[in-house]
Amino acid sequence: MNNLQIETTWTDKDWNKFTDWLKGMLHVGPVTVTFTKKDGSERVMKCTLDPKELPEQVITENKKERKQSENSIAVYDLEAKGWRSFVIRSIKRVNITIP
């Protein structure tokens, strides 16, 4: 397991690199993300964007496309079995299990 501790001294460039890296890791397999929720409590979530792990999408006509946030990432929570999101800069730790 690889554990990445987030640094509070990161620049905007560091955060952008981290965001790109994290999105890539989420597409490969499960990632455990520890972050601070808006209410101040800590949350640990096992999540993914791996297409093999996502539920089947029902396509409906005339459905508006959701605007992508630059500040948060929408992920599939593997334990809650639903879509969740978190603010990127609220992340404290990332754990990745490499098979």
PDB file of N, CA and C in Angstrom:
ATOM      1  N   MET A   1       0.849  -1.179   0.000  1.00  0.00           N
ATOM      2  CA  MET A   1       0.000   0.000   0.000  1.00  0.00           C
ATOM      3  C   MET A   1       0.890   1.235   0.000  1.00  0.00           C
ATOM      4  N   ASN A   2       0.567   2.176  -0.835  1.00  0.00           N
ATOM      5  CA  ASN A   2       1.268   3.450  -0.862  1.00  0.00           C
ATOM      6  C   ASN A   2       0.420   4.487  -0.153  1.00  0.00           C
ATOM      7  N   ASN A   3       1.051   5.292   0.680  1.00  0.00           N
ATOM      8  CA  ASN A   3       0.359   6.297   1.461  1.00  0.00           C
ATOM      9  C   ASN A   3       0.954   7.656   1.127  1.00  0.00           C
ATOM     10  N   LEU A   4       0.136   8.582   0.697  1.00  0.00           N
ATOM     11  CA  LEU A   4       0.593   9.926   0.362  1.00  0.00           C
ATOM     12  C   LEU A   4       0.005  10.904   1.364  1.00  0.00           C
ATOM     13  N   GLN A   5       0.864  11.579   2.102  1.00  0.00           N
ATOM     14  CA  GLN A   5       0.441  12.600   3.043  1.00  0.00           C
ATOM     15  C   GLN A   5       0.451  13.943   2.314  1.00  0.00           C
ATOM     16  N   ILE A   6      -0.607  14.692   2.440  1.00  0.00           N
ATOM     17  CA  ILE A   6      -0.727  15.971   1.745  1.00  0.00           C
ATOM     18  C   ILE A   6       0.013  17.059   2.528  1.00  0.00           C
ATOM     19  N   GLU A   7       0.752  17.883   1.810  1.00  0.00           N
ATOM     20  CA  GLU A   7       1.511  18.972   2.431  1.00  0.00           C
ATOM     21  C   GLU A   7       0.685  20.256   2.421  1.00  0.00           C
ATOM     22  N   THR A   8       0.707  20.970   3.527  1.00  0.00           N
ATOM     23  CA  THR A   8      -0.043  22.224   3.615  1.00  0.00           C
ATOM     24  C   THR A   8       0.661  23.362   2.888  1.00  0.00           C
ATOM     25  N   THR A   9       1.898  23.144   2.487  1.00  0.00           N
ATOM     26  CA  THR A   9       2.672  24.197   1.834  1.00  0.00           C
ATOM     27  C   THR A   9       2.598  24.108   0.309  1.00  0.00           C
ATOM     28  N   TRP A  10       1.746  23.260  -0.215  1.00  0.00           N
ATOM     29  CA  TRP A  10       1.657  23.090  -1.666  1.00  0.00           C
ATOM     30  C   TRP A  10       1.215  24.377  -2.355  1.00  0.00           C
ATOM     31  N   THR A  11       1.789  24.607  -3.526  1.00  0.00           N
ATOM     32  CA  THR A  11       1.396  25.735  -4.359  1.00  0.00           C
ATOM     33  C   THR A  11       0.215  25.307  -5.241  1.00  0.00           C
ATOM     34  N   ASP A  12      -0.370  26.247  -5.966  1.00  0.00           N
ATOM     35  CA  ASP A  12      -1.447  25.915  -6.905  1.00  0.00           C
ATOM     36  C   ASP A  12      -0.958  24.903  -7.941  1.00  0.00           C
ATOM     37  N   LYS A  13       0.282  25.055  -8.383  1.00  0.00           N
ATOM     38  CA  LYS A  13       0.852  24.124  -9.361  1.00  0.00           C
ATOM     39  C   LYS A  13       0.946  22.710  -8.777  1.00  0.00           C
ATOM     40  N   ASP A  14       1.359  22.619  -7.507  1.00  0.00           N
ATOM     41  CA  ASP A  14       1.430  21.319  -6.826  1.00  0.00           C
ATOM     42  C   ASP A  14       0.040  20.678  -6.750  1.00  0.00           C
ATOM     43  N   TRP A  15      -0.968  21.469  -6.394  1.00  0.00           N
ATOM     44  CA  TRP A  15      -2.338  20.953  -6.284  1.00  0.00           C
ATOM     45  C   TRP A  15      -2.841  20.485  -7.645  1.00  0.00           C
ATOM     46  N   ASN A  16      -2.517  21.216  -8.708  1.00  0.00           N
ATOM     47  CA  ASN A  16      -2.943  20.814 -10.051  1.00  0.00           C
ATOM     48  C   ASN A  16      -2.315  19.491 -10.456  1.00  0.00           C
ATOM     49  N   LYS A  17      -1.031  19.324 -10.173  1.00  0.00           N
ATOM     50  CA  LYS A  17      -0.340  18.060 -10.473  1.00  0.00           C
ATOM     51  C   LYS A  17      -0.957  16.920  -9.669  1.00  0.00           C
ATOM     52  N   PHE A  18      -1.198  17.172  -8.391  1.00  0.00           N
ATOM     53  CA  PHE A  18      -1.801  16.162  -7.525  1.00  0.00           C
ATOM     54  C   PHE A  18      -3.188  15.767  -8.018  1.00  0.00           C
ATOM     55  N   THR A  19      -3.995  16.739  -8.421  1.00  0.00           N
ATOM     56  CA  THR A  19      -5.347  16.470  -8.911  1.00  0.00           C
ATOM     57  C   THR A  19      -5.300  15.589 -10.148  1.00  0.00           C
ATOM     58  N   ASP A  20      -4.429  15.901 -11.090  1.00  0.00           N
ATOM     59  CA  ASP A  20      -4.286  15.075 -12.294  1.00  0.00           C
ATOM     60  C   ASP A  20      -3.854  13.659 -11.932  1.00  0.00           C
ATOM     61  N   TRP A  21      -2.886  13.555 -11.025  1.00  0.00           N
ATOM     62  CA  TRP A  21      -2.401  12.240 -10.588  1.00  0.00           C
ATOM     63  C   TRP A  21      -3.519  11.442  -9.920  1.00  0.00           C
ATOM     64  N   LEU A  22      -4.266  12.096  -9.010  1.00  0.00           N
ATOM     65  CA  LEU A  22      -5.336  11.412  -8.285  1.00  0.00           C
ATOM     66  C   LEU A  22      -6.425  10.919  -9.231  1.00  0.00           C
ATOM     67  N   LYS A  23      -6.817  11.745 -10.178  1.00  0.00           N
ATOM     68  CA  LYS A  23      -7.834  11.325 -11.148  1.00  0.00           C
ATOM     69  C   LYS A  23      -7.354  10.106 -11.935  1.00  0.00           C
ATOM     70  N   GLY A  24      -6.079  10.082 -12.286  1.00  0.00           N
ATOM     71  CA  GLY A  24      -5.513   8.930 -12.982  1.00  0.00           C
ATOM     72  C   GLY A  24      -5.571   7.681 -12.122  1.00  0.00           C
ATOM     73  N   MET A  25      -5.202   7.797 -10.850  1.00  0.00           N
ATOM     74  CA  MET A  25      -5.231   6.655  -9.932  1.00  0.00           C
ATOM     75  C   MET A  25      -6.656   6.152  -9.717  1.00  0.00           C
ATOM     76  N   LEU A  26      -7.623   7.064  -9.642  1.00  0.00           N
ATOM     77  CA  LEU A  26      -9.022   6.679  -9.450  1.00  0.00           C
ATOM     78  C   LEU A  26      -9.554   5.875 -10.636  1.00  0.00           C
ATOM     79  N   HIS A  27      -9.030   6.119 -11.829  1.00  0.00           N
ATOM     80  CA  HIS A  27      -9.455   5.369 -13.012  1.00  0.00           C
ATOM     81  C   HIS A  27      -8.831   3.981 -13.085  1.00  0.00           C
ATOM     82  N   VAL A  28      -7.756   3.761 -12.316  1.00  0.00           N
ATOM     83  CA  VAL A  28      -7.059   2.476 -12.325  1.00  0.00           C
ATOM     84  C   VAL A  28      -7.681   1.503 -11.327  1.00  0.00           C
ATOM     85  N   GLY A  29      -8.097   1.990 -10.181  1.00  0.00           N
ATOM     86  CA  GLY A  29      -8.647   1.094  -9.161  1.00  0.00           C
ATOM     87  C   GLY A  29      -9.032   1.848  -7.909  1.00  0.00           C
ATOM     88  N   PRO A  30      -9.323   1.111  -6.836  1.00  0.00           N
ATOM     89  CA  PRO A  30      -9.770   1.742  -5.590  1.00  0.00           C
ATOM     90  C   PRO A  30      -8.693   2.617  -4.946  1.00  0.00           C
ATOM     91  N   VAL A  31      -9.130   3.743  -4.414  1.00  0.00           N
ATOM     92  CA  VAL A  31      -8.276   4.675  -3.697  1.00  0.00           C
ATOM     93  C   VAL A  31      -8.995   5.014  -2.398  1.00  0.00           C
ATOM     94  N   THR A  32      -8.273   5.014  -1.285  1.00  0.00           N
ATOM     95  CA  THR A  32      -8.862   5.431  -0.016  1.00  0.00           C
ATOM     96  C   THR A  32      -8.423   6.862   0.245  1.00  0.00           C
ATOM     97  N   VAL A  33      -9.407   7.754   0.337  1.00  0.00           N
ATOM     98  CA  VAL A  33      -9.139   9.183   0.506  1.00  0.00           C
ATOM     99  C   VAL A  33      -9.633   9.615   1.883  1.00  0.00           C
ATOM    100  N   THR A  34      -8.771  10.292   2.624  1.00  0.00           N
ATOM    101  CA  THR A  34      -9.159  10.877   3.903  1.00  0.00           C
ATOM    102  C   THR A  34      -9.228  12.377   3.690  1.00  0.00           C
ATOM    103  N   PHE A  35     -10.373  12.970   4.042  1.00  0.00           N
ATOM    104  CA  PHE A  35     -10.554  14.402   3.822  1.00  0.00           C
ATOM    105  C   PHE A  35     -11.407  14.995   4.931  1.00  0.00           C
ATOM    106  N   THR A  36     -11.404  16.318   5.005  1.00  0.00           N
ATOM    107  CA  THR A  36     -12.223  17.036   5.971  1.00  0.00           C
ATOM    108  C   THR A  36     -13.505  17.475   5.279  1.00  0.00           C
ATOM    109  N   LYS A  37     -14.639  17.071   5.859  1.00  0.00           N
ATOM    110  CA  LYS A  37     -15.934  17.460   5.301  1.00  0.00           C
ATOM    111  C   LYS A  37     -16.209  18.931   5.606  1.00  0.00           C
ATOM    112  N   LYS A  38     -17.206  19.482   4.948  1.00  0.00           N
ATOM    113  CA  LYS A  38     -17.534  20.903   5.142  1.00  0.00           C
ATOM    114  C   LYS A  38     -17.915  21.214   6.583  1.00  0.00           C
ATOM    115  N   ASP A  39     -18.469  20.195   7.302  1.00  0.00           N
ATOM    116  CA  ASP A  39     -18.853  20.416   8.701  1.00  0.00           C
ATOM    117  C   ASP A  39     -17.666  20.296   9.666  1.00  0.00           C
ATOM    118  N   GLY A  40     -16.463  20.026   9.117  1.00  0.00           N
ATOM    119  CA  GLY A  40     -15.260  19.942   9.925  1.00  0.00           C
ATOM    120  C   GLY A  40     -14.895  18.534  10.364  1.00  0.00           C
ATOM    121  N   SER A  41     -15.777  17.576  10.166  1.00  0.00           N
ATOM    122  CA  SER A  41     -15.470  16.198  10.555  1.00  0.00           C
ATOM    123  C   SER A  41     -14.600  15.529   9.494  1.00  0.00           C
ATOM    124  N   GLU A  42     -13.897  14.492   9.914  1.00  0.00           N
ATOM    125  CA  GLU A  42     -13.023  13.764   9.001  1.00  0.00           C
ATOM    126  C   GLU A  42     -13.777  12.583   8.406  1.00  0.00           C
ATOM    127  N   ARG A  43     -13.531  12.319   7.150  1.00  0.00           N
ATOM    128  CA  ARG A  43     -14.199  11.211   6.448  1.00  0.00           C
ATOM    129  C   ARG A  43     -13.148  10.404   5.716  1.00  0.00           C
ATOM    130  N   VAL A  44     -13.267   9.079   5.797  1.00  0.00           N
ATOM    131  CA  VAL A  44     -12.407   8.168   5.050  1.00  0.00           C
ATOM    132  C   VAL A  44     -13.307   7.447   4.059  1.00  0.00           C
ATOM    133  N   MET A  45     -12.964   7.524   2.780  1.00  0.00           N
ATOM    134  CA  MET A  45     -13.816   6.949   1.745  1.00  0.00           C
ATOM    135  C   MET A  45     -12.989   6.121   0.773  1.00  0.00           C
ATOM    136  N   LYS A  46     -13.443   4.886   0.552  1.00  0.00           N
ATOM    137  CA  LYS A  46     -12.844   4.025  -0.467  1.00  0.00           C
ATOM    138  C   LYS A  46     -13.636   4.281  -1.743  1.00  0.00           C
ATOM    139  N   CYS A  47     -12.967   4.808  -2.767  1.00  0.00           N
ATOM    140  CA  CYS A  47     -13.686   5.262  -3.946  1.00  0.00           C
ATOM    141  C   CYS A  47     -12.931   4.919  -5.228  1.00  0.00           C
ATOM    142  N   THR A  48     -13.607   5.108  -6.349  1.00  0.00           N
ATOM    143  CA  THR A  48     -13.003   4.788  -7.641  1.00  0.00           C
ATOM    144  C   THR A  48     -13.696   5.551  -8.762  1.00  0.00           C
ATOM    145  N   LEU A  49     -13.030   5.566  -9.906  1.00  0.00           N
ATOM    146  CA  LEU A  49     -13.618   5.986 -11.183  1.00  0.00           C
ATOM    147  C   LEU A  49     -13.334   4.920 -12.236  1.00  0.00           C
ATOM    148  N   ASP A  50     -12.911   3.739 -11.782  1.00  0.00           N
ATOM    149  CA  ASP A  50     -12.621   2.614 -12.663  1.00  0.00           C
ATOM    150  C   ASP A  50     -13.926   2.158 -13.319  1.00  0.00           C
ATOM    151  N   PRO A  51     -14.028   2.230 -14.648  1.00  0.00           N
ATOM    152  CA  PRO A  51     -15.270   1.865 -15.336  1.00  0.00           C
ATOM    153  C   PRO A  51     -15.786   0.463 -14.987  1.00  0.00           C
ATOM    154  N   LYS A  52     -14.893  -0.456 -14.658  1.00  0.00           N
ATOM    155  CA  LYS A  52     -15.318  -1.821 -14.307  1.00  0.00           C
ATOM    156  C   LYS A  52     -16.052  -1.868 -12.971  1.00  0.00           C
ATOM    157  N   GLU A  53     -15.841  -0.869 -12.121  1.00  0.00           N
ATOM    158  CA  GLU A  53     -16.437  -0.833 -10.780  1.00  0.00           C
ATOM    159  C   GLU A  53     -17.687   0.049 -10.695  1.00  0.00           C
ATOM    160  N   LEU A  54     -17.944   0.832 -11.736  1.00  0.00           N
ATOM    161  CA  LEU A  54     -19.058   1.776 -11.702  1.00  0.00           C
ATOM    162  C   LEU A  54     -20.376   1.096 -12.062  1.00  0.00           C
ATOM    163  N   PRO A  55     -21.481   1.595 -11.498  1.00  0.00           N
ATOM    164  CA  PRO A  55     -22.779   1.033 -11.864  1.00  0.00           C
ATOM    165  C   PRO A  55     -23.122   1.402 -13.303  1.00  0.00           C
ATOM    166  N   GLU A  56     -23.998   0.612 -13.892  1.00  0.00           N
ATOM    167  CA  GLU A  56     -24.418   0.880 -15.265  1.00  0.00           C
ATOM    168  C   GLU A  56     -25.179   2.200 -15.316  1.00  0.00           C
ATOM    169  N   GLN A  57     -24.836   3.023 -16.283  1.00  0.00           N
ATOM    170  CA  GLN A  57     -25.481   4.328 -16.436  1.00  0.00           C
ATOM    171  C   GLN A  57     -26.718   4.199 -17.314  1.00  0.00           C
ATOM    172  N   VAL A  58     -27.826   4.726 -16.847  1.00  0.00           N
ATOM    173  CA  VAL A  58     -29.035   4.765 -17.646  1.00  0.00           C
ATOM    174  C   VAL A  58     -29.025   6.080 -18.412  1.00  0.00           C
ATOM    175  N   ILE A  59     -29.099   5.977 -19.724  1.00  0.00           N
ATOM    176  CA  ILE A  59     -29.055   7.178 -20.563  1.00  0.00           C
ATOM    177  C   ILE A  59     -30.478   7.672 -20.786  1.00  0.00           C
ATOM    178  N   THR A  60     -30.704   8.918 -20.429  1.00  0.00           N
ATOM    179  CA  THR A  60     -32.011   9.529 -20.643  1.00  0.00           C
ATOM    180  C   THR A  60     -31.853  10.708 -21.594  1.00  0.00           C
ATOM    181  N   GLU A  61     -32.844  10.870 -22.441  1.00  0.00           N
ATOM    182  CA  GLU A  61     -32.796  11.979 -23.393  1.00  0.00           C
ATOM    183  C   GLU A  61     -33.068  13.295 -22.681  1.00  0.00           C
ATOM    184  N   ASN A  62     -32.531  14.350 -23.232  1.00  0.00           N
ATOM    185  CA  ASN A  62     -32.732  15.713 -22.747  1.00  0.00           C
ATOM    186  C   ASN A  62     -32.208  15.934 -21.335  1.00  0.00           C
ATOM    187  N   LYS A  63     -31.347  15.061 -20.854  1.00  0.00           N
ATOM    188  CA  LYS A  63     -30.770  15.256 -19.530  1.00  0.00           C
ATOM    189  C   LYS A  63     -29.635  16.270 -19.642  1.00  0.00           C
ATOM    190  N   LYS A  64     -29.666  17.269 -18.781  1.00  0.00           N
ATOM    191  CA  LYS A  64     -28.635  18.293 -18.803  1.00  0.00           C
ATOM    192  C   LYS A  64     -27.323  17.722 -18.291  1.00  0.00           C
ATOM    193  N   GLU A  65     -26.247  18.071 -18.968  1.00  0.00           N
ATOM    194  CA  GLU A  65     -24.908  17.658 -18.542  1.00  0.00           C
ATOM    195  C   GLU A  65     -24.520  18.471 -17.318  1.00  0.00           C
ATOM    196  N   ARG A  66     -24.011  17.774 -16.298  1.00  0.00           N
ATOM    197  CA  ARG A  66     -23.587  18.466 -15.085  1.00  0.00           C
ATOM    198  C   ARG A  66     -22.294  19.227 -15.326  1.00  0.00           C
ATOM    199  N   LYS A  67     -22.229  20.414 -14.786  1.00  0.00           N
ATOM    200  CA  LYS A  67     -21.026  21.228 -14.907  1.00  0.00           C
ATOM    201  C   LYS A  67     -19.938  20.628 -14.020  1.00  0.00           C
ATOM    202  N   GLN A  68     -18.732  20.458 -14.572  1.00  0.00           N
ATOM    203  CA  GLN A  68     -17.608  19.911 -13.832  1.00  0.00           C
ATOM    204  C   GLN A  68     -17.005  20.992 -12.935  1.00  0.00           C
ATOM    205  N   SER A  69     -16.838  20.671 -11.675  1.00  0.00           N
ATOM    206  CA  SER A  69     -16.218  21.595 -10.733  1.00  0.00           C
ATOM    207  C   SER A  69     -14.703  21.475 -10.816  1.00  0.00           C
ATOM    208  N   GLU A  70     -14.032  22.589 -10.703  1.00  0.00           N
ATOM    209  CA  GLU A  70     -12.572  22.566 -10.678  1.00  0.00           C
ATOM    210  C   GLU A  70     -12.057  22.367  -9.256  1.00  0.00           C
ATOM    211  N   ASN A  71     -12.944  22.516  -8.268  1.00  0.00           N
ATOM    212  CA  ASN A  71     -12.547  22.431  -6.867  1.00  0.00           C
ATOM    213  C   ASN A  71     -12.828  21.079  -6.222  1.00  0.00           C
ATOM    214  N   SER A  72     -13.657  20.250  -6.864  1.00  0.00           N
ATOM    215  CA  SER A  72     -14.016  18.975  -6.263  1.00  0.00           C
ATOM    216  C   SER A  72     -13.984  17.855  -7.297  1.00  0.00           C
ATOM    217  N   ILE A  73     -14.000  16.631  -6.786  1.00  0.00           N
ATOM    218  CA  ILE A  73     -13.999  15.441  -7.639  1.00  0.00           C
ATOM    219  C   ILE A  73     -15.202  14.591  -7.252  1.00  0.00           C
ATOM    220  N   ALA A  74     -15.987  14.198  -8.246  1.00  0.00           N
ATOM    221  CA  ALA A  74     -17.088  13.263  -8.030  1.00  0.00           C
ATOM    222  C   ALA A  74     -16.535  11.858  -8.234  1.00  0.00           C
ATOM    223  N   VAL A  75     -16.790  10.983  -7.259  1.00  0.00           N
ATOM    224  CA  VAL A  75     -16.273   9.615  -7.289  1.00  0.00           C
ATOM    225  C   VAL A  75     -17.388   8.648  -6.893  1.00  0.00           C
ATOM    226  N   TYR A  76     -17.170   7.366  -7.164  1.00  0.00           N
ATOM    227  CA  TYR A  76     -18.116   6.346  -6.735  1.00  0.00           C
ATOM    228  C   TYR A  76     -17.598   5.751  -5.432  1.00  0.00           C
ATOM    229  N   ASP A  77     -18.399   5.875  -4.359  1.00  0.00           N
ATOM    230  CA  ASP A  77     -18.052   5.346  -3.051  1.00  0.00           C
ATOM    231  C   ASP A  77     -18.341   3.846  -3.058  1.00  0.00           C
ATOM    232  N   LEU A  78     -17.302   3.033  -2.955  1.00  0.00           N
ATOM    233  CA  LEU A  78     -17.440   1.582  -3.058  1.00  0.00           C
ATOM    234  C   LEU A  78     -18.151   0.960  -1.858  1.00  0.00           C
ATOM    235  N   GLU A  79     -18.116   1.605  -0.708  1.00  0.00           N
ATOM    236  CA  GLU A  79     -18.773   1.061   0.473  1.00  0.00           C
ATOM    237  C   GLU A  79     -20.220   1.514   0.582  1.00  0.00           C
ATOM    238  N   ALA A  80     -20.499   2.768   0.248  1.00  0.00           N
ATOM    239  CA  ALA A  80     -21.869   3.288   0.295  1.00  0.00           C
ATOM    240  C   ALA A  80     -22.651   2.954  -0.980  1.00  0.00           C
ATOM    241  N   LYS A  81     -21.923   2.508  -2.002  1.00  0.00           N
ATOM    242  CA  LYS A  81     -22.531   2.158  -3.299  1.00  0.00           C
ATOM    243  C   LYS A  81     -23.296   3.343  -3.897  1.00  0.00           C
ATOM    244  N   GLY A  82     -22.629   4.486  -3.916  1.00  0.00           N
ATOM    245  CA  GLY A  82     -23.258   5.672  -4.490  1.00  0.00           C
ATOM    246  C   GLY A  82     -22.226   6.721  -4.841  1.00  0.00           C
ATOM    247  N   TRP A  83     -22.666   7.698  -5.591  1.00  0.00           N
ATOM    248  CA  TRP A  83     -21.785   8.793  -6.010  1.00  0.00           C
ATOM    249  C   TRP A  83     -21.650   9.802  -4.882  1.00  0.00           C
ATOM    250  N   ARG A  84     -20.430  10.233  -4.646  1.00  0.00           N
ATOM    251  CA  ARG A  84     -20.109  11.234  -3.637  1.00  0.00           C
ATOM    252  C   ARG A  84     -19.068  12.182  -4.241  1.00  0.00           C
ATOM    253  N   SER A  85     -18.812  13.277  -3.542  1.00  0.00           N
ATOM    254  CA  SER A  85     -17.758  14.187  -4.000  1.00  0.00           C
ATOM    255  C   SER A  85     -17.054  14.777  -2.793  1.00  0.00           C
ATOM    256  N   PHE A  86     -15.872  15.297  -3.033  1.00  0.00           N
ATOM    257  CA  PHE A  86     -15.113  15.960  -1.982  1.00  0.00           C
ATOM    258  C   PHE A  86     -14.320  17.093  -2.606  1.00  0.00           C
ATOM    259  N   VAL A  87     -14.022  18.088  -1.791  1.00  0.00           N
ATOM    260  CA  VAL A  87     -13.211  19.223  -2.222  1.00  0.00           C
ATOM    261  C   VAL A  87     -11.760  18.765  -2.242  1.00  0.00           C
ATOM    262  N   ILE A  88     -11.094  18.998  -3.344  1.00  0.00           N
ATOM    263  CA  ILE A  88      -9.728  18.519  -3.532  1.00  0.00           C
ATOM    264  C   ILE A  88      -8.794  19.016  -2.432  1.00  0.00           C
ATOM    265  N   ARG A  89      -8.879  20.279  -2.092  1.00  0.00           N
ATOM    266  CA  ARG A  89      -7.947  20.849  -1.107  1.00  0.00           C
ATOM    267  C   ARG A  89      -8.302  20.478   0.327  1.00  0.00           C
ATOM    268  N   SER A  90      -9.369  19.699   0.512  1.00  0.00           N
ATOM    269  CA  SER A  90      -9.696  19.223   1.865  1.00  0.00           C
ATOM    270  C   SER A  90      -9.081  17.856   2.141  1.00  0.00           C
ATOM    271  N   ILE A  91      -8.402  17.279   1.133  1.00  0.00           N
ATOM    272  CA  ILE A  91      -7.800  15.964   1.273  1.00  0.00           C
ATOM    273  C   ILE A  91      -6.600  16.040   2.222  1.00  0.00           C
ATOM    274  N   LYS A  92      -6.554  15.083   3.154  1.00  0.00           N
ATOM    275  CA  LYS A  92      -5.444  15.006   4.098  1.00  0.00           C
ATOM    276  C   LYS A  92      -4.481  13.875   3.755  1.00  0.00           C
ATOM    277  N   ARG A  93      -5.059  12.759   3.210  1.00  0.00           N
ATOM    278  CA  ARG A  93      -4.238  11.585   2.963  1.00  0.00           C
ATOM    279  C   ARG A  93      -4.882  10.747   1.849  1.00  0.00           C
ATOM    280  N   VAL A  94      -4.029  10.072   1.084  1.00  0.00           N
ATOM    281  CA  VAL A  94      -4.485   9.170   0.022  1.00  0.00           C
ATOM    282  C   VAL A  94      -3.747   7.855   0.187  1.00  0.00           C
ATOM    283  N   ASN A  95      -4.486   6.746   0.196  1.00  0.00           N
ATOM    284  CA  ASN A  95      -3.887   5.415   0.272  1.00  0.00           C
ATOM    285  C   ASN A  95      -4.293   4.635  -0.974  1.00  0.00           C
ATOM    286  N   ILE A  96      -3.298   4.024  -1.612  1.00  0.00           N
ATOM    287  CA  ILE A  96      -3.544   3.247  -2.819  1.00  0.00           C
ATOM    288  C   ILE A  96      -2.951   1.853  -2.613  1.00  0.00           C
ATOM    289  N   THR A  97      -3.760   0.828  -2.871  1.00  0.00           N
ATOM    290  CA  THR A  97      -3.264  -0.528  -2.808  1.00  0.00           C
ATOM    291  C   THR A  97      -2.904  -0.964  -4.222  1.00  0.00           C
ATOM    292  N   ILE A  98      -1.656  -1.331  -4.401  1.00  0.00           N
ATOM    293  CA  ILE A  98      -1.190  -1.768  -5.713  1.00  0.00           C
ATOM    294  C   ILE A  98      -1.126  -3.287  -5.700  1.00  0.00           C
ATOM    295  N   PRO A  99      -1.923  -3.915  -6.599  1.00  0.00           N
ATOM    296  CA  PRO A  99      -1.965  -5.375  -6.607  1.00  0.00           C
ATOM    297  C   PRO A  99      -0.647  -5.996  -7.042  1.00  0.00           C
TER     298      PRO A  99
END
